[in-house]
Amino acid sequence: MEPTTSAMSYFTGMDGFIWFVGIVEKKVDDPLRLNRCKVRIIGWHEFDTTILPTDDLPWALPLLPLTHSRNTLDIREGDWVVGFFLDAQLGQQPIIFGKLPAYPSDTNVGSQG
């Protein structure tokens, strides 16, 4: 059975795979307690936090392996992460599948995310 044209436009993998690199800005206070975090996605989100505050970023859901025994994740604020959008071009359902660990820096970016 072939998928319909309308079904294909919302099926991950049929409408283009959009991956991203972003910076974790907030990891605490996930109201659903799913270890989601707020990620500012490079090239997708405005980096000026006065224009797009951290709280207005969509929650990014971590992709955990099936062998993961607990719903915990070793991601910290400041870590760079790699992921994809589950909803493709809409860009409102980010999924994180990897990270590039952060290292301490003396750089002060001020109002920049």
PDB file of N, CA and C in Angstrom:
ATOM      1  N   MET A   1       0.841  -1.177   0.000  1.00  0.00           N
ATOM      2  CA  MET A   1       0.000   0.000   0.000  1.00  0.00           C
ATOM      3  C   MET A   1       0.891   1.246   0.000  1.00  0.00           C
ATOM      4  N   GLU A   2       0.675   2.133  -0.906  1.00  0.00           N
ATOM      5  CA  GLU A   2       1.431   3.371  -1.025  1.00  0.00           C
ATOM      6  C   GLU A   2       0.843   4.436  -0.099  1.00  0.00           C
ATOM      7  N   PRO A   3       1.696   5.228   0.572  1.00  0.00           N
ATOM      8  CA  PRO A   3       1.169   6.312   1.400  1.00  0.00           C
ATOM      9  C   PRO A   3       0.569   7.405   0.520  1.00  0.00           C
ATOM     10  N   THR A   4      -0.434   8.082   1.047  1.00  0.00           N
ATOM     11  CA  THR A   4      -1.047   9.177   0.310  1.00  0.00           C
ATOM     12  C   THR A   4      -0.101  10.365   0.272  1.00  0.00           C
ATOM     13  N   THR A   5      -0.336  11.278  -0.654  1.00  0.00           N
ATOM     14  CA  THR A   5       0.509  12.462  -0.777  1.00  0.00           C
ATOM     15  C   THR A   5       0.479  13.288   0.492  1.00  0.00           C
ATOM     16  N   SER A   6      -0.701  13.476   1.107  1.00  0.00           N
ATOM     17  CA  SER A   6      -0.795  14.274   2.336  1.00  0.00           C
ATOM     18  C   SER A   6      -0.091  13.575   3.492  1.00  0.00           C
ATOM     19  N   ALA A   7      -0.135  12.255   3.549  1.00  0.00           N
ATOM     20  CA  ALA A   7       0.554  11.523   4.614  1.00  0.00           C
ATOM     21  C   ALA A   7       2.062  11.628   4.434  1.00  0.00           C
ATOM     22  N   MET A   8       2.531  11.638   3.180  1.00  0.00           N
ATOM     23  CA  MET A   8       3.960  11.713   2.922  1.00  0.00           C
ATOM     24  C   MET A   8       4.543  13.050   3.372  1.00  0.00           C
ATOM     25  N   SER A   9       3.766  14.121   3.300  1.00  0.00           N
ATOM     26  CA  SER A   9       4.310  15.425   3.637  1.00  0.00           C
ATOM     27  C   SER A   9       4.540  15.593   5.136  1.00  0.00           C
ATOM     28  N   TYR A  10       4.012  14.707   5.955  1.00  0.00           N
ATOM     29  CA  TYR A  10       4.221  14.790   7.398  1.00  0.00           C
ATOM     30  C   TYR A  10       4.867  13.530   7.967  1.00  0.00           C
ATOM     31  N   PHE A  11       5.483  12.737   7.142  1.00  0.00           N
ATOM     32  CA  PHE A  11       6.116  11.505   7.566  1.00  0.00           C
ATOM     33  C   PHE A  11       7.625  11.715   7.597  1.00  0.00           C
ATOM     34  N   THR A  12       8.226  11.568   8.768  1.00  0.00           N
ATOM     35  CA  THR A  12       9.660  11.790   8.902  1.00  0.00           C
ATOM     36  C   THR A  12      10.421  10.885   7.941  1.00  0.00           C
ATOM     37  N   GLY A  13      11.304  11.464   7.187  1.00  0.00           N
ATOM     38  CA  GLY A  13      12.074  10.726   6.210  1.00  0.00           C
ATOM     39  C   GLY A  13      11.524  10.850   4.800  1.00  0.00           C
ATOM     40  N   MET A  14      10.264  11.265   4.672  1.00  0.00           N
ATOM     41  CA  MET A  14       9.661  11.432   3.352  1.00  0.00           C
ATOM     42  C   MET A  14       9.630  12.899   2.927  1.00  0.00           C
ATOM     43  N   ASP A  15       9.834  13.808   3.860  1.00  0.00           N
ATOM     44  CA  ASP A  15       9.717  15.227   3.546  1.00  0.00           C
ATOM     45  C   ASP A  15      11.037  15.963   3.738  1.00  0.00           C
ATOM     46  N   GLY A  16      12.107  15.260   3.873  1.00  0.00           N
ATOM     47  CA  GLY A  16      13.400  15.902   4.080  1.00  0.00           C
ATOM     48  C   GLY A  16      13.813  15.792   5.535  1.00  0.00           C
ATOM     49  N   PHE A  17      15.046  15.406   5.741  1.00  0.00           N
ATOM     50  CA  PHE A  17      15.586  15.243   7.088  1.00  0.00           C
ATOM     51  C   PHE A  17      16.347  16.510   7.429  1.00  0.00           C
ATOM     52  N   ILE A  18      15.875  17.257   8.417  1.00  0.00           N
ATOM     53  CA  ILE A  18      16.520  18.508   8.800  1.00  0.00           C
ATOM     54  C   ILE A  18      17.220  18.292  10.131  1.00  0.00           C
ATOM     55  N   TRP A  19      18.545  18.282  10.083  1.00  0.00           N
ATOM     56  CA  TRP A  19      19.323  18.095  11.303  1.00  0.00           C
ATOM     57  C   TRP A  19      19.885  19.434  11.724  1.00  0.00           C
ATOM     58  N   PHE A  20      20.355  19.502  12.987  1.00  0.00           N
ATOM     59  CA  PHE A  20      20.849  20.768  13.519  1.00  0.00           C
ATOM     60  C   PHE A  20      21.955  20.560  14.536  1.00  0.00           C
ATOM     61  N   VAL A  21      22.655  21.667  14.814  1.00  0.00           N
ATOM     62  CA  VAL A  21      23.585  21.777  15.929  1.00  0.00           C
ATOM     63  C   VAL A  21      23.077  22.941  16.757  1.00  0.00           C
ATOM     64  N   GLY A  22      23.029  22.758  18.065  1.00  0.00           N
ATOM     65  CA  GLY A  22      22.531  23.814  18.931  1.00  0.00           C
ATOM     66  C   GLY A  22      23.239  23.823  20.266  1.00  0.00           C
ATOM     67  N   ILE A  23      22.885  24.801  21.087  1.00  0.00           N
ATOM     68  CA  ILE A  23      23.492  24.974  22.403  1.00  0.00           C
ATOM     69  C   ILE A  23      22.404  24.851  23.464  1.00  0.00           C
ATOM     70  N   VAL A  24      22.624  23.977  24.452  1.00  0.00           N
ATOM     71  CA  VAL A  24      21.657  23.798  25.537  1.00  0.00           C
ATOM     72  C   VAL A  24      21.688  25.047  26.415  1.00  0.00           C
ATOM     73  N   GLU A  25      20.544  25.705  26.529  1.00  0.00           N
ATOM     74  CA  GLU A  25      20.471  26.904  27.352  1.00  0.00           C
ATOM     75  C   GLU A  25      19.751  26.668  28.670  1.00  0.00           C
ATOM     76  N   LYS A  26      18.882  25.672  28.711  1.00  0.00           N
ATOM     77  CA  LYS A  26      18.129  25.409  29.938  1.00  0.00           C
ATOM     78  C   LYS A  26      17.822  23.927  30.011  1.00  0.00           C
ATOM     79  N   LYS A  27      18.186  23.317  31.141  1.00  0.00           N
ATOM     80  CA  LYS A  27      17.930  21.887  31.317  1.00  0.00           C
ATOM     81  C   LYS A  27      16.977  21.618  32.477  1.00  0.00           C
ATOM     82  N   VAL A  28      16.790  22.576  33.340  1.00  0.00           N
ATOM     83  CA  VAL A  28      15.949  22.378  34.520  1.00  0.00           C
ATOM     84  C   VAL A  28      14.522  22.819  34.248  1.00  0.00           C
ATOM     85  N   ASP A  29      13.640  22.443  35.148  1.00  0.00           N
ATOM     86  CA  ASP A  29      12.236  22.873  35.136  1.00  0.00           C
ATOM     87  C   ASP A  29      11.410  22.297  33.991  1.00  0.00           C
ATOM     88  N   ASP A  30      11.750  21.119  33.491  1.00  0.00           N
ATOM     89  CA  ASP A  30      10.903  20.472  32.483  1.00  0.00           C
ATOM     90  C   ASP A  30       9.604  20.060  33.165  1.00  0.00           C
ATOM     91  N   PRO A  31       8.478  20.656  32.799  1.00  0.00           N
ATOM     92  CA  PRO A  31       7.224  20.348  33.492  1.00  0.00           C
ATOM     93  C   PRO A  31       6.790  18.890  33.346  1.00  0.00           C
ATOM     94  N   LEU A  32       7.230  18.204  32.289  1.00  0.00           N
ATOM     95  CA  LEU A  32       6.871  16.796  32.098  1.00  0.00           C
ATOM     96  C   LEU A  32       7.900  15.836  32.681  1.00  0.00           C
ATOM     97  N   ARG A  33       9.026  16.365  33.163  1.00  0.00           N
ATOM     98  CA  ARG A  33      10.101  15.561  33.750  1.00  0.00           C
ATOM     99  C   ARG A  33      10.601  14.460  32.802  1.00  0.00           C
ATOM    100  N   LEU A  34      10.813  14.850  31.542  1.00  0.00           N
ATOM    101  CA  LEU A  34      11.295  13.917  30.526  1.00  0.00           C
ATOM    102  C   LEU A  34      12.740  14.185  30.141  1.00  0.00           C
ATOM    103  N   ASN A  35      13.440  14.998  30.943  1.00  0.00           N
ATOM    104  CA  ASN A  35      14.817  15.405  30.657  1.00  0.00           C
ATOM    105  C   ASN A  35      14.925  16.221  29.373  1.00  0.00           C
ATOM    106  N   ARG A  36      13.845  16.896  29.009  1.00  0.00           N
ATOM    107  CA  ARG A  36      13.911  17.783  27.863  1.00  0.00           C
ATOM    108  C   ARG A  36      14.713  19.021  28.236  1.00  0.00           C
ATOM    109  N   CYS A  37      15.175  19.729  27.234  1.00  0.00           N
ATOM    110  CA  CYS A  37      15.911  20.965  27.490  1.00  0.00           C
ATOM    111  C   CYS A  37      15.607  21.976  26.392  1.00  0.00           C
ATOM    112  N   LYS A  38      15.924  23.215  26.687  1.00  0.00           N
ATOM    113  CA  LYS A  38      15.758  24.295  25.723  1.00  0.00           C
ATOM    114  C   LYS A  38      17.072  24.429  24.972  1.00  0.00           C
ATOM    115  N   VAL A  39      17.012  24.338  23.655  1.00  0.00           N
ATOM    116  CA  VAL A  39      18.206  24.378  22.815  1.00  0.00           C
ATOM    117  C   VAL A  39      18.065  25.520  21.809  1.00  0.00           C
ATOM    118  N   ARG A  40      19.066  26.383  21.771  1.00  0.00           N
ATOM    119  CA  ARG A  40      19.109  27.446  20.766  1.00  0.00           C
ATOM    120  C   ARG A  40      19.839  26.872  19.555  1.00  0.00           C
ATOM    121  N   ILE A  41      19.112  26.717  18.463  1.00  0.00           N
ATOM    122  CA  ILE A  41      19.621  26.031  17.285  1.00  0.00           C
ATOM    123  C   ILE A  41      20.286  27.036  16.344  1.00  0.00           C
ATOM    124  N   ILE A  42      21.541  26.751  16.033  1.00  0.00           N
ATOM    125  CA  ILE A  42      22.348  27.643  15.214  1.00  0.00           C
ATOM    126  C   ILE A  42      21.754  27.731  13.808  1.00  0.00           C
ATOM    127  N   GLY A  43      21.519  28.967  13.355  1.00  0.00           N
ATOM    128  CA  GLY A  43      20.966  29.192  12.032  1.00  0.00           C
ATOM    129  C   GLY A  43      19.459  29.101  11.966  1.00  0.00           C
ATOM    130  N   TRP A  44      18.827  28.670  13.044  1.00  0.00           N
ATOM    131  CA  TRP A  44      17.373  28.518  13.061  1.00  0.00           C
ATOM    132  C   TRP A  44      16.749  29.529  14.022  1.00  0.00           C
ATOM    133  N   HIS A  45      17.347  29.670  15.209  1.00  0.00           N
ATOM    134  CA  HIS A  45      16.838  30.586  16.221  1.00  0.00           C
ATOM    135  C   HIS A  45      17.690  31.848  16.288  1.00  0.00           C
ATOM    136  N   GLU A  46      17.047  32.945  16.553  1.00  0.00           N
ATOM    137  CA  GLU A  46      17.729  34.224  16.785  1.00  0.00           C
ATOM    138  C   GLU A  46      18.640  34.065  18.003  1.00  0.00           C
ATOM    139  N   PHE A  47      19.880  34.544  17.909  1.00  0.00           N
ATOM    140  CA  PHE A  47      20.814  34.407  19.027  1.00  0.00           C
ATOM    141  C   PHE A  47      20.686  35.516  20.059  1.00  0.00           C
ATOM    142  N   ASP A  48      20.010  36.594  19.743  1.00  0.00           N
ATOM    143  CA  ASP A  48      19.808  37.683  20.699  1.00  0.00           C
ATOM    144  C   ASP A  48      18.671  37.294  21.642  1.00  0.00           C
ATOM    145  N   THR A  49      19.005  37.073  22.922  1.00  0.00           N
ATOM    146  CA  THR A  49      18.005  36.608  23.892  1.00  0.00           C
ATOM    147  C   THR A  49      16.990  37.680  24.256  1.00  0.00           C
ATOM    148  N   THR A  50      17.226  38.931  23.866  1.00  0.00           N
ATOM    149  CA  THR A  50      16.200  39.960  24.088  1.00  0.00           C
ATOM    150  C   THR A  50      15.114  39.861  23.018  1.00  0.00           C
ATOM    151  N   ILE A  51      15.458  39.283  21.875  1.00  0.00           N
ATOM    152  CA  ILE A  51      14.481  39.066  20.799  1.00  0.00           C
ATOM    153  C   ILE A  51      13.784  37.713  20.981  1.00  0.00           C
ATOM    154  N   LEU A  52      14.547  36.665  21.264  1.00  0.00           N
ATOM    155  CA  LEU A  52      13.999  35.322  21.496  1.00  0.00           C
ATOM    156  C   LEU A  52      14.532  34.800  22.827  1.00  0.00           C
ATOM    157  N   PRO A  53      13.763  35.021  23.917  1.00  0.00           N
ATOM    158  CA  PRO A  53      14.213  34.542  25.231  1.00  0.00           C
ATOM    159  C   PRO A  53      14.298  33.017  25.281  1.00  0.00           C
ATOM    160  N   THR A  54      15.153  32.526  26.150  1.00  0.00           N
ATOM    161  CA  THR A  54      15.331  31.082  26.314  1.00  0.00           C
ATOM    162  C   THR A  54      14.015  30.369  26.581  1.00  0.00           C
ATOM    163  N   ASP A  55      13.165  30.944  27.427  1.00  0.00           N
ATOM    164  CA  ASP A  55      11.896  30.287  27.761  1.00  0.00           C
ATOM    165  C   ASP A  55      10.967  30.129  26.564  1.00  0.00           C
ATOM    166  N   ASP A  56      11.189  30.893  25.492  1.00  0.00           N
ATOM    167  CA  ASP A  56      10.339  30.792  24.302  1.00  0.00           C
ATOM    168  C   ASP A  56      10.830  29.747  23.303  1.00  0.00           C
ATOM    169  N   LEU A  57      11.994  29.153  23.553  1.00  0.00           N
ATOM    170  CA  LEU A  57      12.489  28.082  22.689  1.00  0.00           C
ATOM    171  C   LEU A  57      11.643  26.831  22.910  1.00  0.00           C
ATOM    172  N   PRO A  58      11.463  25.986  21.877  1.00  0.00           N
ATOM    173  CA  PRO A  58      10.724  24.740  22.087  1.00  0.00           C
ATOM    174  C   PRO A  58      11.538  23.751  22.926  1.00  0.00           C
ATOM    175  N   TRP A  59      10.852  22.862  23.637  1.00  0.00           N
ATOM    176  CA  TRP A  59      11.531  21.816  24.401  1.00  0.00           C
ATOM    177  C   TRP A  59      12.099  20.791  23.431  1.00  0.00           C
ATOM    178  N   ALA A  60      13.352  20.408  23.627  1.00  0.00           N
ATOM    179  CA  ALA A  60      14.003  19.377  22.817  1.00  0.00           C
ATOM    180  C   ALA A  60      14.008  18.073  23.606  1.00  0.00           C
ATOM    181  N   LEU A  61      13.532  17.020  22.979  1.00  0.00           N
ATOM    182  CA  LEU A  61      13.433  15.709  23.624  1.00  0.00           C
ATOM    183  C   LEU A  61      14.672  14.885  23.315  1.00  0.00           C
ATOM    184  N   PRO A  62      15.299  14.293  24.336  1.00  0.00           N
ATOM    185  CA  PRO A  62      16.475  13.455  24.061  1.00  0.00           C
ATOM    186  C   PRO A  62      16.069  12.092  23.507  1.00  0.00           C
ATOM    187  N   LEU A  63      16.842  11.600  22.561  1.00  0.00           N
ATOM    188  CA  LEU A  63      16.643  10.266  22.011  1.00  0.00           C
ATOM    189  C   LEU A  63      17.550   9.323  22.785  1.00  0.00           C
ATOM    190  N   LEU A  64      16.963   8.417  23.556  1.00  0.00           N
ATOM    191  CA  LEU A  64      17.736   7.501  24.400  1.00  0.00           C
ATOM    192  C   LEU A  64      17.744   6.110  23.788  1.00  0.00           C
ATOM    193  N   PRO A  65      18.841   5.371  23.924  1.00  0.00           N
ATOM    194  CA  PRO A  65      18.876   4.003  23.400  1.00  0.00           C
ATOM    195  C   PRO A  65      17.948   3.092  24.197  1.00  0.00           C
ATOM    196  N   LEU A  66      17.504   2.029  23.567  1.00  0.00           N
ATOM    197  CA  LEU A  66      16.602   1.078  24.230  1.00  0.00           C
ATOM    198  C   LEU A  66      17.259   0.417  25.429  1.00  0.00           C
ATOM    199  N   THR A  67      18.572   0.372  25.451  1.00  0.00           N
ATOM    200  CA  THR A  67      19.287  -0.260  26.553  1.00  0.00           C
ATOM    201  C   THR A  67      19.492   0.680  27.731  1.00  0.00           C
ATOM    202  N   HIS A  68      18.997   1.899  27.622  1.00  0.00           N
ATOM    203  CA  HIS A  68      19.159   2.884  28.691  1.00  0.00           C
ATOM    204  C   HIS A  68      18.237   2.496  29.846  1.00  0.00           C
ATOM    205  N   SER A  69      18.799   2.231  31.002  1.00  0.00           N
ATOM    206  CA  SER A  69      18.009   1.693  32.118  1.00  0.00           C
ATOM    207  C   SER A  69      17.210   2.751  32.867  1.00  0.00           C
ATOM    208  N   ARG A  70      17.650   4.002  32.786  1.00  0.00           N
ATOM    209  CA  ARG A  70      16.934   5.065  33.492  1.00  0.00           C
ATOM    210  C   ARG A  70      16.704   6.222  32.542  1.00  0.00           C
ATOM    211  N   ASN A  71      15.713   7.024  32.879  1.00  0.00           N
ATOM    212  CA  ASN A  71      15.407   8.191  32.059  1.00  0.00           C
ATOM    213  C   ASN A  71      16.239   9.380  32.533  1.00  0.00           C
ATOM    214  N   THR A  72      17.556   9.235  32.531  1.00  0.00           N
ATOM    215  CA  THR A  72      18.460  10.324  32.896  1.00  0.00           C
ATOM    216  C   THR A  72      19.388  10.591  31.727  1.00  0.00           C
ATOM    217  N   LEU A  73      19.923  11.767  31.707  1.00  0.00           N
ATOM    218  CA  LEU A  73      20.746  12.160  30.587  1.00  0.00           C
ATOM    219  C   LEU A  73      21.859  13.063  31.076  1.00  0.00           C
ATOM    220  N   ASP A  74      23.044  12.854  30.566  1.00  0.00           N
ATOM    221  CA  ASP A  74      24.200  13.654  30.963  1.00  0.00           C
ATOM    222  C   ASP A  74      24.389  14.820  30.001  1.00  0.00           C
ATOM    223  N   ILE A  75      23.450  15.751  30.042  1.00  0.00           N
ATOM    224  CA  ILE A  75      23.554  16.972  29.256  1.00  0.00           C
ATOM    225  C   ILE A  75      23.535  18.136  30.231  1.00  0.00           C
ATOM    226  N   ARG A  76      24.447  19.099  29.992  1.00  0.00           N
ATOM    227  CA  ARG A  76      24.517  20.275  30.857  1.00  0.00           C
ATOM    228  C   ARG A  76      24.244  21.525  30.033  1.00  0.00           C
ATOM    229  N   GLU A  77      23.837  22.568  30.734  1.00  0.00           N
ATOM    230  CA  GLU A  77      23.687  23.852  30.075  1.00  0.00           C
ATOM    231  C   GLU A  77      25.045  24.259  29.527  1.00  0.00           C
ATOM    232  N   GLY A  78      25.077  24.719  28.287  1.00  0.00           N
ATOM    233  CA  GLY A  78      26.319  25.077  27.621  1.00  0.00           C
ATOM    234  C   GLY A  78      26.825  24.006  26.677  1.00  0.00           C
ATOM    235  N   ASP A  79      26.338  22.766  26.822  1.00  0.00           N
ATOM    236  CA  ASP A  79      26.744  21.706  25.900  1.00  0.00           C
ATOM    237  C   ASP A  79      26.200  21.991  24.499  1.00  0.00           C
ATOM    238  N   TRP A  80      26.979  21.620  23.509  1.00  0.00           N
ATOM    239  CA  TRP A  80      26.521  21.677  22.129  1.00  0.00           C
ATOM    240  C   TRP A  80      25.919  20.318  21.801  1.00  0.00           C
ATOM    241  N   VAL A  81      24.765  20.318  21.155  1.00  0.00           N
ATOM    242  CA  VAL A  81      24.071  19.074  20.840  1.00  0.00           C
ATOM    243  C   VAL A  81      23.777  18.988  19.350  1.00  0.00           C
ATOM    244  N   VAL A  82      23.576  17.763  18.883  1.00  0.00           N
ATOM    245  CA  VAL A  82      23.217  17.485  17.498  1.00  0.00           C
ATOM    246  C   VAL A  82      21.864  16.802  17.516  1.00  0.00           C
ATOM    247  N   GLY A  83      21.027  17.144  16.571  1.00  0.00           N
ATOM    248  CA  GLY A  83      19.704  16.528  16.538  1.00  0.00           C
ATOM    249  C   GLY A  83      19.017  16.740  15.207  1.00  0.00           C
ATOM    250  N   PHE A  84      17.717  16.504  15.211  1.00  0.00           N
ATOM    251  CA  PHE A  84      16.894  16.679  14.022  1.00  0.00           C
ATOM    252  C   PHE A  84      15.508  17.125  14.452  1.00  0.00           C
ATOM    253  N   PHE A  85      14.768  17.665  13.503  1.00  0.00           N
ATOM    254  CA  PHE A  85      13.391  18.069  13.771  1.00  0.00           C
ATOM    255  C   PHE A  85      12.452  16.934  13.388  1.00  0.00           C
ATOM    256  N   LEU A  86      11.668  16.466  14.342  1.00  0.00           N
ATOM    257  CA  LEU A  86      10.692  15.417  14.076  1.00  0.00           C
ATOM    258  C   LEU A  86       9.620  15.910  13.110  1.00  0.00           C
ATOM    259  N   ASP A  87       9.349  17.223  13.141  1.00  0.00           N
ATOM    260  CA  ASP A  87       8.330  17.802  12.269  1.00  0.00           C
ATOM    261  C   ASP A  87       8.930  18.537  11.069  1.00  0.00           C
ATOM    262  N   ALA A  88      10.151  18.165  10.689  1.00  0.00           N
ATOM    263  CA  ALA A  88      10.848  18.702   9.504  1.00  0.00           C
ATOM    264  C   ALA A  88      10.855  20.223   9.475  1.00  0.00           C
ATOM    265  N   GLN A  89      10.322  20.823   8.415  1.00  0.00           N
ATOM    266  CA  GLN A  89      10.422  22.264   8.210  1.00  0.00           C
ATOM    267  C   GLN A  89       9.698  23.094   9.254  1.00  0.00           C
ATOM    268  N   LEU A  90       8.772  22.544   9.986  1.00  0.00           N
ATOM    269  CA  LEU A  90       8.080  23.321  11.020  1.00  0.00           C
ATOM    270  C   LEU A  90       9.030  23.686  12.156  1.00  0.00           C
ATOM    271  N   GLY A  91       9.972  22.806  12.465  1.00  0.00           N
ATOM    272  CA  GLY A  91      11.023  23.093  13.434  1.00  0.00           C
ATOM    273  C   GLY A  91      10.554  23.324  14.860  1.00  0.00           C
ATOM    274  N   GLN A  92       9.466  22.674  15.274  1.00  0.00           N
ATOM    275  CA  GLN A  92       8.947  22.862  16.626  1.00  0.00           C
ATOM    276  C   GLN A  92       9.102  21.627  17.506  1.00  0.00           C
ATOM    277  N   GLN A  93       9.596  20.517  16.949  1.00  0.00           N
ATOM    278  CA  GLN A  93       9.767  19.285  17.711  1.00  0.00           C
ATOM    279  C   GLN A  93      11.201  18.780  17.568  1.00  0.00           C
ATOM    280  N   PRO A  94      12.156  19.468  18.232  1.00  0.00           N
ATOM    281  CA  PRO A  94      13.548  19.037  18.122  1.00  0.00           C
ATOM    282  C   PRO A  94      13.818  17.774  18.937  1.00  0.00           C
ATOM    283  N   ILE A  95      14.612  16.896  18.365  1.00  0.00           N
ATOM    284  CA  ILE A  95      15.046  15.662  19.018  1.00  0.00           C
ATOM    285  C   ILE A  95      16.573  15.704  19.078  1.00  0.00           C
ATOM    286  N   ILE A  96      17.137  15.458  20.263  1.00  0.00           N
ATOM    287  CA  ILE A  96      18.590  15.450  20.444  1.00  0.00           C
ATOM    288  C   ILE A  96      19.087  14.011  20.398  1.00  0.00           C
ATOM    289  N   PHE A  97      20.113  13.744  19.565  1.00  0.00           N
ATOM    290  CA  PHE A  97      20.663  12.385  19.544  1.00  0.00           C
ATOM    291  C   PHE A  97      22.143  12.313  19.862  1.00  0.00           C
ATOM    292  N   GLY A  98      22.760  13.442  20.166  1.00  0.00           N
ATOM    293  CA  GLY A  98      24.167  13.422  20.539  1.00  0.00           C
ATOM    294  C   GLY A  98      24.592  14.752  21.106  1.00  0.00           C
ATOM    295  N   LYS A  99      25.775  14.768  21.728  1.00  0.00           N
ATOM    296  CA  LYS A  99      26.274  16.023  22.283  1.00  0.00           C
ATOM    297  C   LYS A  99      27.770  16.158  22.054  1.00  0.00           C
ATOM    298  N   LEU A 100      28.195  17.409  22.063  1.00  0.00           N
ATOM    299  CA  LEU A 100      29.599  17.772  22.029  1.00  0.00           C
ATOM    300  C   LEU A 100      29.833  18.468  23.363  1.00  0.00           C
ATOM    301  N   PRO A 101      30.511  17.845  24.321  1.00  0.00           N
ATOM    302  CA  PRO A 101      30.622  18.400  25.671  1.00  0.00           C
ATOM    303  C   PRO A 101      31.213  19.811  25.681  1.00  0.00           C
ATOM    304  N   ALA A 102      30.718  20.609  26.605  1.00  0.00           N
ATOM    305  CA  ALA A 102      31.206  21.979  26.780  1.00  0.00           C
ATOM    306  C   ALA A 102      32.490  21.968  27.591  1.00  0.00           C
ATOM    307  N   TYR A 103      33.258  23.026  27.456  1.00  0.00           N
ATOM    308  CA  TYR A 103      34.413  23.204  28.309  1.00  0.00           C
ATOM    309  C   TYR A 103      34.369  24.630  28.844  1.00  0.00           C
ATOM    310  N   PRO A 104      34.920  24.873  30.034  1.00  0.00           N
ATOM    311  CA  PRO A 104      34.856  26.205  30.632  1.00  0.00           C
ATOM    312  C   PRO A 104      35.487  27.255  29.736  1.00  0.00           C
ATOM    313  N   SER A 105      34.881  28.442  29.732  1.00  0.00           N
ATOM    314  CA  SER A 105      35.387  29.539  28.926  1.00  0.00           C
ATOM    315  C   SER A 105      35.188  30.839  29.676  1.00  0.00           C
ATOM    316  N   ASP A 106      36.100  31.778  29.481  1.00  0.00           N
ATOM    317  CA  ASP A 106      35.980  33.084  30.094  1.00  0.00           C
ATOM    318  C   ASP A 106      35.195  34.052  29.231  1.00  0.00           C
ATOM    319  N   THR A 107      34.708  33.584  28.085  1.00  0.00           N
ATOM    320  CA  THR A 107      34.003  34.466  27.162  1.00  0.00           C
ATOM    321  C   THR A 107      32.657  34.863  27.737  1.00  0.00           C
ATOM    322  N   ASN A 108      32.390  36.159  27.748  1.00  0.00           N
ATOM    323  CA  ASN A 108      31.106  36.674  28.191  1.00  0.00           C
ATOM    324  C   ASN A 108      30.363  37.156  26.959  1.00  0.00           C
ATOM    325  N   VAL A 109      29.247  36.506  26.648  1.00  0.00           N
ATOM    326  CA  VAL A 109      28.512  36.849  25.453  1.00  0.00           C
ATOM    327  C   VAL A 109      27.387  37.837  25.725  1.00  0.00           C
ATOM    328  N   GLY A 110      27.206  38.269  26.964  1.00  0.00           N
ATOM    329  CA  GLY A 110      26.208  39.276  27.290  1.00  0.00           C
ATOM    330  C   GLY A 110      24.805  38.817  26.986  1.00  0.00           C
ATOM    331  N   SER A 111      24.096  39.566  26.110  1.00  0.00           N
ATOM    332  CA  SER A 111      22.712  39.220  25.804  1.00  0.00           C
ATOM    333  C   SER A 111      22.606  38.190  24.700  1.00  0.00           C
ATOM    334  N   GLN A 112      23.730  37.644  24.255  1.00  0.00           N
ATOM    335  CA  GLN A 112      23.709  36.627  23.228  1.00  0.00           C
ATOM    336  C   GLN A 112      23.489  35.263  23.855  1.00  0.00           C
ATOM    337  N   GLY A 113      22.729  34.401  23.173  1.00  0.00           N
ATOM    338  CA  GLY A 113      22.469  33.053  23.666  1.00  0.00           C
ATOM    339  C   GLY A 113      23.676  32.180  23.517  1.00  0.00           C
TER     340      GLY A 113
END
